[in-house]
N, C-alpha and C. Protein backbone atom coordinates (compact mmCIF):
# COMPACT_ATOMS: atom_id res chain seq x y z
N UNK A 1 17.63 2.25 0.92
CA UNK A 1 17.11 0.75 1.21
C UNK A 1 16.29 0.75 2.52
N UNK A 2 17.12 1.12 3.56
CA UNK A 2 16.75 1.07 5.03
C UNK A 2 15.22 2.19 5.19
N UNK A 3 15.38 3.16 4.30
CA UNK A 3 14.21 4.13 4.30
C UNK A 3 12.96 3.36 3.88
N UNK A 4 13.25 2.56 2.75
CA UNK A 4 12.13 1.89 2.11
C UNK A 4 11.38 0.94 2.97
N UNK A 5 12.27 0.27 3.71
CA UNK A 5 11.80 -0.90 4.70
C UNK A 5 10.95 -0.09 5.65
N UNK A 6 11.52 1.04 6.15
CA UNK A 6 10.73 1.73 7.23
C UNK A 6 9.57 2.33 6.81
N UNK A 7 9.56 2.93 5.64
CA UNK A 7 8.26 3.45 5.24
C UNK A 7 7.28 2.25 5.13
N UNK A 8 7.71 1.09 4.37
CA UNK A 8 6.76 0.05 4.35
C UNK A 8 6.31 -0.53 5.62
N UNK A 9 6.95 -0.67 6.56
CA UNK A 9 6.61 -0.79 7.96
C UNK A 9 5.76 0.05 8.64
N UNK A 10 5.93 1.30 8.40
CA UNK A 10 5.09 2.47 8.89
C UNK A 10 3.80 2.32 8.21
N UNK A 11 3.81 2.07 6.79
CA UNK A 11 2.52 1.92 6.11
C UNK A 11 1.65 0.59 6.62
N UNK A 12 2.32 -0.53 7.04
CA UNK A 12 1.65 -1.54 7.64
C UNK A 12 1.27 -1.23 8.84
N UNK A 13 1.86 -0.49 9.83
CA UNK A 13 1.35 -0.17 11.08
C UNK A 13 0.26 0.71 11.00
N UNK A 14 0.06 1.70 10.08
CA UNK A 14 -0.96 2.51 10.04
C UNK A 14 -2.14 1.79 9.67
N UNK A 15 -2.14 0.78 8.51
CA UNK A 15 -3.29 0.21 8.25
C UNK A 15 -3.77 -0.90 9.49
N UNK A 16 -2.88 -1.32 10.07
CA UNK A 16 -3.12 -2.26 11.17
C UNK A 16 -4.19 -1.23 12.25
N UNK A 17 -3.56 0.02 12.56
CA UNK A 17 -4.14 1.00 13.46
C UNK A 17 -5.65 1.07 12.96
N UNK A 18 -5.58 1.31 11.67
CA UNK A 18 -7.10 1.83 11.19
C UNK A 18 -8.08 0.59 11.10
N UNK A 19 -7.44 -0.60 10.83
CA UNK A 19 -8.34 -1.69 10.89
C UNK A 19 -8.72 -1.93 12.43
N UNK A 20 -7.91 -1.81 13.33
CA UNK A 20 -8.20 -1.91 14.69
C UNK A 20 -9.39 -0.98 15.13
N UNK A 21 -9.35 0.15 14.61
CA UNK A 21 -10.16 1.30 15.11
C UNK A 21 -11.55 0.84 14.39
N UNK A 22 -11.49 0.57 13.06
CA UNK A 22 -12.78 0.15 12.43
C UNK A 22 -13.56 -1.11 13.16
N UNK A 23 -12.45 -1.95 13.47
CA UNK A 23 -12.93 -3.31 14.12
C UNK A 23 -13.85 -2.86 15.42
N UNK A 24 -13.26 -1.92 16.26
CA UNK A 24 -13.85 -1.62 17.47
C UNK A 24 -14.96 -0.58 17.33
N UNK A 25 -15.03 -0.02 16.13
CA UNK A 25 -16.10 0.80 15.98
C UNK A 25 -17.31 0.05 15.46
N UNK A 26 -17.22 -1.12 14.73
CA UNK A 26 -18.19 -1.89 14.12
C UNK A 26 -18.60 -2.78 14.92
N UNK A 27 -17.54 -3.65 15.59
CA UNK A 27 -17.92 -5.13 16.32
C UNK A 27 -18.86 -4.93 17.38
N UNK A 28 -18.95 -3.81 18.38
CA UNK A 28 -20.01 -3.79 19.28
C UNK A 28 -21.28 -3.55 18.70
N UNK A 29 -21.41 -2.97 17.68
CA UNK A 29 -22.68 -2.80 16.98
C UNK A 29 -23.37 -3.85 16.42
N UNK A 30 -22.34 -4.68 15.97
CA UNK A 30 -22.84 -5.97 15.22
C UNK A 30 -23.06 -6.86 16.55
N UNK A 31 -22.53 -7.10 17.45
CA UNK A 31 -22.80 -7.85 18.60
C UNK A 31 -24.09 -7.42 19.33
N UNK A 32 -24.27 -6.06 19.36
CA UNK A 32 -25.52 -5.53 20.06
C UNK A 32 -26.66 -5.80 19.04
N UNK A 33 -26.64 -5.55 17.72
CA UNK A 33 -27.69 -5.81 16.89
C UNK A 33 -28.11 -7.42 16.90
N UNK A 34 -27.02 -8.46 17.13
CA UNK A 34 -27.19 -9.80 17.08
C UNK A 34 -27.93 -10.12 18.34
N UNK A 35 -27.66 -9.56 19.46
CA UNK A 35 -28.37 -9.95 20.53
C UNK A 35 -29.78 -9.39 20.65
N UNK A 36 -29.85 -8.19 19.87
CA UNK A 36 -31.38 -7.69 19.84
C UNK A 36 -32.09 -8.49 19.04
N UNK A 37 -31.47 -9.32 17.93
CA UNK A 37 -32.13 -9.86 17.00
C UNK A 37 -32.55 -11.27 17.50
N UNK A 38 -31.66 -11.87 18.50
CA UNK A 38 -31.83 -13.05 19.19
C UNK A 38 -33.05 -12.80 20.54
């Protein structure tokens, strides 16, 4: 039971980290292209 909760938490943490990396990879380019467009 505890192992299931732990693996579920680990899965959410991995997804959060991946989303964070994706955000910081994409966000600066979006901002830069926005300012270039303006």
